[in-house]
Amino acid sequence: MLSSRDGLFNGKAIVILCRVSKAFTRESDDAPERPARPRRLSSLPPGAKNYLTPGGERQLREELNRLLESERPKLADTPDDEDARRRMQMMDERIEQLQESLGSAVVVAPPVVPDGQVRFGATVTVRNPRGEEVRYRIVGVDETDIDRDWVSWLSPVAKALLNARTGQKIRLKLPGGVEQWEIVAVNYE
């Protein structure tokens, strides 16, 4: 797109032609400006694999299918509703997130013959120094659920547990200091 600027140089009229990128123009002056949506950054560190349990992969795929086949078409039927447009934009962001996650997923099946070693996907029962038993399940970043004690394989708890065995004691650095936990049981679902 060309634009012009008129001016004077030594008493003579001149016209300067400049190239202007179409990216900096709007189709219409009365159209509202919408800010560009920032690209969502992955919650994985650079180079880390996007591990998922088979159940986690299934849940994400079911959510994606439900959004694409049922919920999004319902919202698309009400294009004049501003609230519906906002919800559809949020839904589109979630759909993009799910597609990205599933596209980069590495599904890790549980071991065929469990050997008492903590691996990805394990549910680990530990005994803390106060004698309390707590269960943690080591899952993918997209499956993390603190309310269910499902921790990301990248979390400090999971890192301390991975590769340990039943009966082994591990040291875990917590905000209140270092604690020693005993691994009571290792199960796979």
N, C-alpha and C. Protein backbone atom coordinates (compact mmCIF):
# COMPACT_ATOMS: atom_id res chain seq x y z
N MET A 1 0.85 -1.17 0.00
CA MET A 1 0.00 0.00 0.00
C MET A 1 0.89 1.23 0.00
N LEU A 2 0.59 2.21 -0.80
CA LEU A 2 1.37 3.43 -0.88
C LEU A 2 0.61 4.57 -0.22
N SER A 3 1.35 5.44 0.46
CA SER A 3 0.75 6.67 0.97
C SER A 3 1.66 7.81 0.54
N SER A 4 1.14 9.00 0.54
CA SER A 4 1.97 10.13 0.11
C SER A 4 2.00 11.19 1.19
N ARG A 5 3.09 11.98 1.14
CA ARG A 5 3.26 13.10 2.05
C ARG A 5 3.73 14.28 1.21
N ASP A 6 3.04 15.38 1.27
CA ASP A 6 3.43 16.56 0.50
C ASP A 6 4.33 17.44 1.34
N GLY A 7 5.25 18.15 0.66
CA GLY A 7 6.13 19.06 1.38
C GLY A 7 6.81 20.01 0.41
N LEU A 8 7.60 20.91 0.95
CA LEU A 8 8.35 21.87 0.15
C LEU A 8 9.83 21.64 0.36
N PHE A 9 10.61 21.76 -0.72
CA PHE A 9 12.05 21.65 -0.65
C PHE A 9 12.63 22.71 -1.57
N ASN A 10 13.36 23.67 -0.99
CA ASN A 10 13.92 24.80 -1.75
C ASN A 10 12.84 25.49 -2.59
N GLY A 11 11.66 25.66 -1.99
CA GLY A 11 10.60 26.37 -2.67
C GLY A 11 9.84 25.55 -3.69
N LYS A 12 10.20 24.32 -3.90
CA LYS A 12 9.51 23.48 -4.87
C LYS A 12 8.66 22.45 -4.15
N ALA A 13 7.50 22.18 -4.68
CA ALA A 13 6.61 21.18 -4.11
C ALA A 13 7.16 19.79 -4.44
N ILE A 14 7.18 18.93 -3.45
CA ILE A 14 7.61 17.55 -3.67
C ILE A 14 6.59 16.60 -3.08
N VAL A 15 6.55 15.42 -3.60
CA VAL A 15 5.69 14.37 -3.08
C VAL A 15 6.58 13.20 -2.72
N ILE A 16 6.46 12.72 -1.50
CA ILE A 16 7.25 11.57 -1.04
C ILE A 16 6.31 10.38 -0.94
N LEU A 17 6.66 9.30 -1.63
CA LEU A 17 5.84 8.09 -1.57
C LEU A 17 6.51 7.12 -0.59
N CYS A 18 5.72 6.54 0.30
CA CYS A 18 6.22 5.59 1.30
C CYS A 18 5.42 4.31 1.21
N ARG A 19 6.07 3.19 1.44
CA ARG A 19 5.36 1.92 1.53
C ARG A 19 4.88 1.75 2.98
N VAL A 20 3.61 1.39 3.14
CA VAL A 20 3.04 1.16 4.47
C VAL A 20 2.51 -0.27 4.47
N SER A 21 2.90 -1.01 5.47
CA SER A 21 2.46 -2.40 5.57
C SER A 21 0.97 -2.46 5.84
N LYS A 22 0.28 -3.39 5.20
CA LYS A 22 -1.15 -3.62 5.39
C LYS A 22 -1.43 -4.04 6.83
N ALA A 23 -0.43 -4.58 7.51
CA ALA A 23 -0.61 -5.05 8.89
C ALA A 23 -0.93 -3.91 9.83
N PHE A 24 -0.59 -2.68 9.44
CA PHE A 24 -0.81 -1.54 10.33
C PHE A 24 -2.07 -0.77 9.98
N THR A 25 -2.92 -1.36 9.18
CA THR A 25 -4.16 -0.70 8.80
C THR A 25 -5.36 -1.52 9.26
N ARG A 26 -6.50 -0.85 9.38
CA ARG A 26 -7.74 -1.53 9.69
C ARG A 26 -8.59 -1.57 8.44
N GLU A 27 -9.42 -2.58 8.33
CA GLU A 27 -10.31 -2.69 7.18
C GLU A 27 -11.28 -1.51 7.15
N SER A 28 -11.72 -1.08 8.32
CA SER A 28 -12.72 -0.02 8.39
C SER A 28 -12.39 0.86 9.59
N ASP A 29 -12.59 2.18 9.44
CA ASP A 29 -12.30 3.09 10.54
C ASP A 29 -13.28 2.95 11.70
N ASP A 30 -14.49 2.44 11.41
CA ASP A 30 -15.49 2.32 12.48
C ASP A 30 -15.45 0.95 13.16
N ALA A 31 -14.55 0.06 12.71
CA ALA A 31 -14.42 -1.26 13.34
C ALA A 31 -13.67 -1.12 14.65
N PRO A 32 -14.13 -1.80 15.69
CA PRO A 32 -13.43 -1.70 16.98
C PRO A 32 -12.06 -2.38 16.90
N GLU A 33 -11.10 -1.79 17.59
CA GLU A 33 -9.77 -2.40 17.62
C GLU A 33 -9.78 -3.52 18.64
N ARG A 34 -9.24 -4.66 18.25
CA ARG A 34 -9.11 -5.79 19.16
C ARG A 34 -7.64 -6.07 19.34
N PRO A 35 -7.19 -6.11 20.57
CA PRO A 35 -5.77 -6.38 20.78
C PRO A 35 -5.42 -7.79 20.33
N ALA A 36 -4.21 -7.94 19.86
CA ALA A 36 -3.74 -9.26 19.44
C ALA A 36 -3.64 -10.14 20.67
N ARG A 37 -4.09 -11.37 20.52
CA ARG A 37 -4.05 -12.32 21.63
C ARG A 37 -2.62 -12.82 21.78
N PRO A 38 -2.04 -12.71 22.98
CA PRO A 38 -0.68 -13.20 23.16
C PRO A 38 -0.62 -14.72 23.03
N ARG A 39 0.46 -15.23 22.51
CA ARG A 39 0.66 -16.66 22.33
C ARG A 39 0.85 -17.29 23.70
N ARG A 40 0.08 -18.33 23.98
CA ARG A 40 0.18 -19.02 25.26
C ARG A 40 1.51 -19.76 25.32
N LEU A 41 2.21 -19.55 26.41
CA LEU A 41 3.48 -20.24 26.58
C LEU A 41 3.23 -21.60 27.21
N SER A 42 3.97 -22.57 26.80
CA SER A 42 3.84 -23.91 27.35
C SER A 42 4.32 -23.89 28.80
N SER A 43 3.67 -24.70 29.63
CA SER A 43 4.09 -24.78 31.02
C SER A 43 5.27 -25.74 31.19
N LEU A 44 5.70 -26.34 30.11
CA LEU A 44 6.86 -27.23 30.14
C LEU A 44 8.14 -26.43 29.94
N PRO A 45 9.21 -26.81 30.62
CA PRO A 45 10.48 -26.15 30.34
C PRO A 45 10.96 -26.51 28.94
N PRO A 46 11.77 -25.67 28.33
CA PRO A 46 12.26 -25.97 26.97
C PRO A 46 12.93 -27.34 26.91
N GLY A 47 12.55 -28.10 25.91
CA GLY A 47 13.15 -29.42 25.69
C GLY A 47 12.52 -30.55 26.48
N ALA A 48 11.62 -30.24 27.43
CA ALA A 48 10.99 -31.28 28.23
C ALA A 48 9.90 -31.97 27.42
N LYS A 49 9.76 -33.26 27.61
CA LYS A 49 8.71 -34.02 26.92
C LYS A 49 7.38 -33.80 27.62
N ASN A 50 6.31 -33.88 26.84
CA ASN A 50 4.96 -33.71 27.36
C ASN A 50 4.37 -35.09 27.65
N TYR A 51 4.79 -35.68 28.77
CA TYR A 51 4.31 -37.01 29.14
C TYR A 51 2.87 -36.95 29.62
N LEU A 52 2.10 -37.97 29.26
CA LEU A 52 0.72 -38.14 29.73
C LEU A 52 0.51 -39.61 30.07
N THR A 53 -0.32 -39.86 31.06
CA THR A 53 -0.74 -41.23 31.33
C THR A 53 -1.81 -41.58 30.29
N PRO A 54 -2.08 -42.86 30.04
CA PRO A 54 -3.14 -43.21 29.09
C PRO A 54 -4.50 -42.61 29.48
N GLY A 55 -4.80 -42.62 30.77
CA GLY A 55 -6.06 -42.03 31.24
C GLY A 55 -6.10 -40.53 31.04
N GLY A 56 -4.98 -39.86 31.24
CA GLY A 56 -4.91 -38.41 31.03
C GLY A 56 -5.10 -38.05 29.58
N GLU A 57 -4.48 -38.82 28.70
CA GLU A 57 -4.63 -38.59 27.27
C GLU A 57 -6.09 -38.79 26.86
N ARG A 58 -6.73 -39.80 27.39
CA ARG A 58 -8.13 -40.09 27.08
C ARG A 58 -9.03 -38.92 27.57
N GLN A 59 -8.78 -38.42 28.77
CA GLN A 59 -9.59 -37.32 29.31
C GLN A 59 -9.44 -36.05 28.48
N LEU A 60 -8.20 -35.72 28.09
CA LEU A 60 -7.98 -34.53 27.28
C LEU A 60 -8.65 -34.67 25.91
N ARG A 61 -8.56 -35.86 25.30
CA ARG A 61 -9.17 -36.10 24.00
C ARG A 61 -10.70 -36.01 24.10
N GLU A 62 -11.28 -36.56 25.19
CA GLU A 62 -12.74 -36.47 25.39
C GLU A 62 -13.18 -35.02 25.56
N GLU A 63 -12.41 -34.24 26.32
CA GLU A 63 -12.74 -32.82 26.49
C GLU A 63 -12.67 -32.09 25.15
N LEU A 64 -11.64 -32.34 24.37
CA LEU A 64 -11.50 -31.70 23.07
C LEU A 64 -12.68 -32.05 22.16
N ASN A 65 -13.04 -33.32 22.11
CA ASN A 65 -14.17 -33.75 21.27
C ASN A 65 -15.48 -33.11 21.73
N ARG A 66 -15.70 -33.05 23.05
CA ARG A 66 -16.92 -32.44 23.58
C ARG A 66 -16.99 -30.95 23.19
N LEU A 67 -15.87 -30.26 23.31
CA LEU A 67 -15.86 -28.84 22.95
C LEU A 67 -16.12 -28.63 21.46
N LEU A 68 -15.46 -29.43 20.63
CA LEU A 68 -15.59 -29.27 19.18
C LEU A 68 -16.95 -29.72 18.64
N GLU A 69 -17.47 -30.80 19.17
CA GLU A 69 -18.68 -31.39 18.61
C GLU A 69 -19.98 -30.90 19.24
N SER A 70 -19.92 -30.42 20.46
CA SER A 70 -21.15 -30.07 21.16
C SER A 70 -21.18 -28.60 21.60
N GLU A 71 -20.24 -28.22 22.45
CA GLU A 71 -20.32 -26.91 23.09
C GLU A 71 -20.03 -25.74 22.15
N ARG A 72 -19.00 -25.86 21.31
CA ARG A 72 -18.68 -24.76 20.40
C ARG A 72 -19.78 -24.52 19.38
N PRO A 73 -20.35 -25.55 18.75
CA PRO A 73 -21.44 -25.31 17.81
C PRO A 73 -22.64 -24.60 18.45
N LYS A 74 -22.94 -24.90 19.71
CA LYS A 74 -24.05 -24.22 20.39
C LYS A 74 -23.77 -22.73 20.52
N LEU A 75 -22.53 -22.38 20.89
CA LEU A 75 -22.19 -20.96 21.02
C LEU A 75 -22.15 -20.27 19.66
N ALA A 76 -21.74 -20.99 18.64
CA ALA A 76 -21.65 -20.41 17.29
C ALA A 76 -23.03 -20.06 16.74
N ASP A 77 -24.07 -20.67 17.28
CA ASP A 77 -25.44 -20.38 16.84
C ASP A 77 -25.94 -19.02 17.33
N THR A 78 -25.22 -18.39 18.26
CA THR A 78 -25.64 -17.09 18.80
C THR A 78 -24.53 -16.06 18.56
N PRO A 79 -24.24 -15.72 17.29
CA PRO A 79 -23.11 -14.84 17.00
C PRO A 79 -23.32 -13.39 17.44
N ASP A 80 -24.56 -12.97 17.67
CA ASP A 80 -24.82 -11.58 18.05
C ASP A 80 -24.71 -11.35 19.55
N ASP A 81 -24.61 -12.40 20.33
CA ASP A 81 -24.52 -12.31 21.79
C ASP A 81 -23.07 -12.07 22.19
N GLU A 82 -22.81 -10.89 22.76
CA GLU A 82 -21.44 -10.52 23.16
C GLU A 82 -20.85 -11.50 24.18
N ASP A 83 -21.69 -11.91 25.13
CA ASP A 83 -21.22 -12.87 26.14
C ASP A 83 -20.86 -14.21 25.49
N ALA A 84 -21.65 -14.64 24.54
CA ALA A 84 -21.37 -15.89 23.83
C ALA A 84 -20.07 -15.78 23.04
N ARG A 85 -19.80 -14.60 22.44
CA ARG A 85 -18.54 -14.40 21.71
C ARG A 85 -17.34 -14.50 22.63
N ARG A 86 -17.46 -13.92 23.82
CA ARG A 86 -16.35 -13.99 24.79
C ARG A 86 -16.13 -15.43 25.24
N ARG A 87 -17.23 -16.14 25.52
CA ARG A 87 -17.10 -17.54 25.93
C ARG A 87 -16.51 -18.38 24.80
N MET A 88 -16.89 -18.08 23.56
CA MET A 88 -16.36 -18.82 22.42
C MET A 88 -14.87 -18.54 22.25
N GLN A 89 -14.45 -17.30 22.50
CA GLN A 89 -13.03 -16.98 22.40
C GLN A 89 -12.23 -17.77 23.46
N MET A 90 -12.76 -17.83 24.68
CA MET A 90 -12.10 -18.61 25.73
C MET A 90 -12.09 -20.09 25.37
N MET A 91 -13.21 -20.57 24.79
CA MET A 91 -13.30 -21.96 24.39
C MET A 91 -12.30 -22.26 23.27
N ASP A 92 -12.15 -21.33 22.33
CA ASP A 92 -11.19 -21.52 21.25
C ASP A 92 -9.76 -21.59 21.79
N GLU A 93 -9.47 -20.80 22.81
CA GLU A 93 -8.15 -20.85 23.44
C GLU A 93 -7.92 -22.21 24.10
N ARG A 94 -8.96 -22.72 24.77
CA ARG A 94 -8.85 -24.05 25.41
C ARG A 94 -8.68 -25.13 24.35
N ILE A 95 -9.42 -25.03 23.25
CA ILE A 95 -9.30 -26.00 22.16
C ILE A 95 -7.89 -25.99 21.61
N GLU A 96 -7.34 -24.80 21.40
CA GLU A 96 -5.97 -24.68 20.90
C GLU A 96 -4.98 -25.30 21.88
N GLN A 97 -5.19 -25.04 23.16
CA GLN A 97 -4.32 -25.60 24.20
C GLN A 97 -4.38 -27.13 24.19
N LEU A 98 -5.59 -27.68 24.11
CA LEU A 98 -5.75 -29.14 24.08
C LEU A 98 -5.11 -29.74 22.84
N GLN A 99 -5.31 -29.11 21.69
CA GLN A 99 -4.71 -29.62 20.45
C GLN A 99 -3.19 -29.59 20.53
N GLU A 100 -2.65 -28.53 21.08
CA GLU A 100 -1.20 -28.42 21.23
C GLU A 100 -0.67 -29.50 22.17
N SER A 101 -1.36 -29.68 23.29
CA SER A 101 -0.94 -30.67 24.27
C SER A 101 -1.00 -32.08 23.71
N LEU A 102 -2.12 -32.41 23.06
CA LEU A 102 -2.27 -33.76 22.50
C LEU A 102 -1.32 -33.98 21.33
N GLY A 103 -1.02 -32.92 20.59
CA GLY A 103 -0.11 -33.05 19.46
C GLY A 103 1.32 -33.33 19.87
N SER A 104 1.69 -32.87 21.06
CA SER A 104 3.07 -33.08 21.53
C SER A 104 3.17 -34.17 22.60
N ALA A 105 2.05 -34.83 22.90
CA ALA A 105 2.01 -35.80 24.00
C ALA A 105 2.81 -37.05 23.71
N VAL A 106 3.45 -37.54 24.76
CA VAL A 106 4.10 -38.84 24.76
C VAL A 106 3.36 -39.65 25.82
N VAL A 107 2.54 -40.60 25.38
CA VAL A 107 1.73 -41.39 26.31
C VAL A 107 2.60 -42.51 26.86
N VAL A 108 2.67 -42.57 28.19
CA VAL A 108 3.51 -43.55 28.88
C VAL A 108 2.61 -44.58 29.57
N ALA A 109 2.67 -45.81 29.09
CA ALA A 109 1.88 -46.89 29.70
C ALA A 109 2.56 -47.35 30.99
N PRO A 110 1.78 -47.87 31.93
CA PRO A 110 2.39 -48.39 33.16
C PRO A 110 3.23 -49.63 32.84
N PRO A 111 4.18 -49.95 33.72
CA PRO A 111 5.00 -51.13 33.46
C PRO A 111 4.15 -52.40 33.42
N VAL A 112 4.52 -53.32 32.55
CA VAL A 112 3.77 -54.57 32.41
C VAL A 112 3.84 -55.37 33.70
N VAL A 113 5.04 -55.43 34.28
CA VAL A 113 5.24 -56.13 35.54
C VAL A 113 5.78 -55.13 36.55
N PRO A 114 4.91 -54.60 37.43
CA PRO A 114 5.41 -53.66 38.44
C PRO A 114 6.46 -54.31 39.33
N ASP A 115 7.52 -53.55 39.58
CA ASP A 115 8.63 -54.09 40.37
C ASP A 115 8.91 -53.30 41.64
N GLY A 116 7.95 -52.44 42.04
CA GLY A 116 8.12 -51.67 43.27
C GLY A 116 8.92 -50.40 43.08
N GLN A 117 9.33 -50.11 41.84
CA GLN A 117 10.07 -48.89 41.57
C GLN A 117 9.10 -47.79 41.12
N VAL A 118 9.35 -46.57 41.59
CA VAL A 118 8.50 -45.43 41.25
C VAL A 118 8.88 -44.92 39.87
N ARG A 119 7.89 -44.97 38.99
CA ARG A 119 8.05 -44.45 37.63
C ARG A 119 6.89 -43.52 37.34
N PHE A 120 6.94 -42.90 36.16
CA PHE A 120 5.86 -42.03 35.74
C PHE A 120 4.55 -42.81 35.76
N GLY A 121 3.49 -42.20 36.28
CA GLY A 121 2.18 -42.83 36.35
C GLY A 121 1.93 -43.58 37.65
N ALA A 122 2.95 -43.71 38.49
CA ALA A 122 2.80 -44.46 39.74
C ALA A 122 1.98 -43.68 40.77
N THR A 123 1.25 -44.44 41.59
CA THR A 123 0.62 -43.88 42.78
C THR A 123 1.48 -44.37 43.93
N VAL A 124 2.06 -43.43 44.65
CA VAL A 124 3.03 -43.75 45.69
C VAL A 124 2.48 -43.39 47.05
N THR A 125 2.50 -44.35 47.96
CA THR A 125 2.10 -44.08 49.34
C THR A 125 3.38 -43.89 50.14
N VAL A 126 3.47 -42.74 50.83
CA VAL A 126 4.65 -42.44 51.64
C VAL A 126 4.24 -42.20 53.08
N ARG A 127 5.19 -42.43 53.98
CA ARG A 127 4.98 -42.15 55.40
C ARG A 127 5.93 -41.02 55.77
N ASN A 128 5.37 -39.92 56.27
CA ASN A 128 6.21 -38.78 56.66
C ASN A 128 6.73 -38.97 58.09
N PRO A 129 7.59 -38.08 58.58
CA PRO A 129 8.17 -38.25 59.92
C PRO A 129 7.15 -38.25 61.06
N ARG A 130 5.95 -37.73 60.83
CA ARG A 130 4.91 -37.71 61.86
C ARG A 130 4.08 -38.99 61.84
N GLY A 131 4.45 -39.93 60.97
CA GLY A 131 3.75 -41.21 60.88
C GLY A 131 2.51 -41.19 60.00
N GLU A 132 2.24 -40.07 59.36
CA GLU A 132 1.07 -39.96 58.49
C GLU A 132 1.39 -40.54 57.11
N GLU A 133 0.42 -41.26 56.56
CA GLU A 133 0.60 -41.79 55.21
C GLU A 133 -0.14 -40.90 54.23
N VAL A 134 0.55 -40.56 53.15
CA VAL A 134 0.00 -39.70 52.10
C VAL A 134 0.25 -40.38 50.76
N ARG A 135 -0.72 -40.24 49.85
CA ARG A 135 -0.57 -40.85 48.51
C ARG A 135 -0.39 -39.74 47.48
N TYR A 136 0.55 -39.95 46.57
CA TYR A 136 0.77 -39.04 45.46
C TYR A 136 0.76 -39.86 44.18
N ARG A 137 0.17 -39.28 43.14
CA ARG A 137 0.22 -39.92 41.83
C ARG A 137 1.06 -39.03 40.93
N ILE A 138 2.04 -39.61 40.26
CA ILE A 138 2.94 -38.85 39.40
C ILE A 138 2.37 -38.86 37.98
N VAL A 139 1.99 -37.67 37.50
CA VAL A 139 1.30 -37.54 36.21
C VAL A 139 1.95 -36.45 35.37
N GLY A 140 1.40 -36.25 34.18
CA GLY A 140 1.88 -35.21 33.29
C GLY A 140 1.47 -33.82 33.75
N VAL A 141 2.14 -32.82 33.20
CA VAL A 141 1.87 -31.43 33.56
C VAL A 141 0.41 -31.07 33.34
N ASP A 142 -0.19 -31.56 32.25
CA ASP A 142 -1.58 -31.23 31.93
C ASP A 142 -2.59 -32.04 32.75
N GLU A 143 -2.13 -32.98 33.55
CA GLU A 143 -3.02 -33.81 34.37
C GLU A 143 -2.99 -33.43 35.84
N THR A 144 -2.09 -32.55 36.22
CA THR A 144 -1.88 -32.20 37.62
C THR A 144 -3.19 -31.77 38.27
N ASP A 145 -3.45 -32.31 39.47
CA ASP A 145 -4.66 -31.99 40.22
C ASP A 145 -4.30 -32.04 41.70
N ILE A 146 -4.03 -30.91 42.27
CA ILE A 146 -3.57 -30.82 43.66
C ILE A 146 -4.62 -31.37 44.62
N ASP A 147 -5.91 -31.16 44.32
CA ASP A 147 -6.98 -31.65 45.19
C ASP A 147 -6.98 -33.17 45.30
N ARG A 148 -6.49 -33.85 44.28
CA ARG A 148 -6.44 -35.32 44.28
C ARG A 148 -5.03 -35.83 44.58
N ASP A 149 -4.10 -34.92 44.90
CA ASP A 149 -2.68 -35.26 45.14
C ASP A 149 -2.04 -35.89 43.91
N TRP A 150 -2.40 -35.39 42.72
CA TRP A 150 -1.75 -35.78 41.47
C TRP A 150 -0.73 -34.70 41.19
N VAL A 151 0.54 -35.06 41.23
CA VAL A 151 1.62 -34.09 41.06
C VAL A 151 2.33 -34.28 39.72
N SER A 152 2.76 -33.18 39.17
CA SER A 152 3.49 -33.21 37.90
C SER A 152 4.82 -33.93 38.09
N TRP A 153 5.23 -34.66 37.07
CA TRP A 153 6.52 -35.36 37.13
C TRP A 153 7.68 -34.38 37.26
N LEU A 154 7.43 -33.08 37.04
CA LEU A 154 8.47 -32.07 37.17
C LEU A 154 8.50 -31.43 38.56
N SER A 155 7.54 -31.77 39.41
CA SER A 155 7.45 -31.16 40.74
C SER A 155 8.55 -31.69 41.65
N PRO A 156 8.90 -30.94 42.68
CA PRO A 156 9.93 -31.41 43.63
C PRO A 156 9.55 -32.75 44.30
N VAL A 157 8.26 -32.93 44.62
CA VAL A 157 7.83 -34.18 45.24
C VAL A 157 8.08 -35.35 44.30
N ALA A 158 7.65 -35.21 43.05
CA ALA A 158 7.83 -36.29 42.07
C ALA A 158 9.31 -36.56 41.81
N LYS A 159 10.10 -35.50 41.69
CA LYS A 159 11.53 -35.68 41.44
C LYS A 159 12.19 -36.46 42.57
N ALA A 160 11.75 -36.22 43.81
CA ALA A 160 12.31 -36.95 44.94
C ALA A 160 11.88 -38.41 44.94
N LEU A 161 10.67 -38.68 44.43
CA LEU A 161 10.13 -40.04 44.46
C LEU A 161 10.59 -40.91 43.28
N LEU A 162 10.75 -40.31 42.11
CA LEU A 162 11.06 -41.08 40.91
C LEU A 162 12.31 -41.94 41.08
N ASN A 163 12.21 -43.18 40.65
CA ASN A 163 13.27 -44.20 40.68
C ASN A 163 13.53 -44.80 42.06
N ALA A 164 12.83 -44.32 43.09
CA ALA A 164 12.96 -44.93 44.41
C ALA A 164 12.15 -46.22 44.42
N ARG A 165 12.34 -47.01 45.46
CA ARG A 165 11.66 -48.32 45.56
C ARG A 165 10.91 -48.43 46.89
N THR A 166 9.97 -49.38 46.91
CA THR A 166 9.21 -49.65 48.13
C THR A 166 10.20 -49.96 49.26
N GLY A 167 9.95 -49.35 50.42
CA GLY A 167 10.81 -49.55 51.59
C GLY A 167 11.95 -48.55 51.69
N GLN A 168 12.25 -47.88 50.62
CA GLN A 168 13.36 -46.92 50.60
C GLN A 168 12.94 -45.61 51.27
N LYS A 169 13.93 -44.94 51.88
CA LYS A 169 13.69 -43.62 52.47
C LYS A 169 14.29 -42.58 51.54
N ILE A 170 13.52 -41.52 51.33
CA ILE A 170 13.99 -40.43 50.48
C ILE A 170 14.01 -39.14 51.28
N ARG A 171 14.83 -38.21 50.83
CA ARG A 171 14.89 -36.90 51.47
C ARG A 171 14.20 -35.90 50.54
N LEU A 172 13.31 -35.10 51.15
CA LEU A 172 12.56 -34.12 50.39
C LEU A 172 12.75 -32.75 51.02
N LYS A 173 13.19 -31.80 50.21
CA LYS A 173 13.39 -30.43 50.68
C LYS A 173 12.07 -29.70 50.61
N LEU A 174 11.55 -29.28 51.74
CA LEU A 174 10.28 -28.55 51.85
C LEU A 174 10.54 -27.15 52.39
N PRO A 175 9.57 -26.24 52.27
CA PRO A 175 9.78 -24.88 52.80
C PRO A 175 10.13 -24.87 54.29
N GLY A 176 9.63 -25.84 55.06
CA GLY A 176 9.92 -25.91 56.49
C GLY A 176 11.21 -26.64 56.83
N GLY A 177 11.91 -27.12 55.82
CA GLY A 177 13.15 -27.85 56.03
C GLY A 177 13.14 -29.18 55.28
N VAL A 178 14.16 -29.97 55.52
CA VAL A 178 14.29 -31.26 54.85
C VAL A 178 13.59 -32.33 55.69
N GLU A 179 12.78 -33.16 55.01
CA GLU A 179 12.10 -34.26 55.69
C GLU A 179 12.51 -35.56 55.04
N GLN A 180 12.45 -36.63 55.83
CA GLN A 180 12.73 -37.96 55.31
C GLN A 180 11.42 -38.74 55.26
N TRP A 181 11.09 -39.23 54.08
CA TRP A 181 9.86 -39.99 53.87
C TRP A 181 10.23 -41.42 53.53
N GLU A 182 9.36 -42.34 53.98
CA GLU A 182 9.54 -43.75 53.62
C GLU A 182 8.49 -44.13 52.58
N ILE A 183 8.92 -44.83 51.57
CA ILE A 183 7.99 -45.28 50.53
C ILE A 183 7.35 -46.56 51.02
N VAL A 184 6.04 -46.52 51.22
CA VAL A 184 5.29 -47.63 51.76
C VAL A 184 4.77 -48.55 50.64
N ALA A 185 4.26 -47.96 49.56
CA ALA A 185 3.71 -48.77 48.46
C ALA A 185 3.81 -48.02 47.16
N VAL A 186 3.93 -48.80 46.05
CA VAL A 186 3.96 -48.24 44.70
C VAL A 186 2.95 -49.03 43.87
N ASN A 187 1.94 -48.34 43.33
CA ASN A 187 0.91 -48.98 42.52
C ASN A 187 0.75 -48.27 41.20
N TYR A 188 0.22 -48.99 40.23
CA TYR A 188 -0.07 -48.41 38.92
C TYR A 188 -1.51 -48.69 38.57
N GLU A 189 -2.19 -47.69 38.02
CA GLU A 189 -3.60 -47.83 37.65
C GLU A 189 -3.74 -48.10 36.19
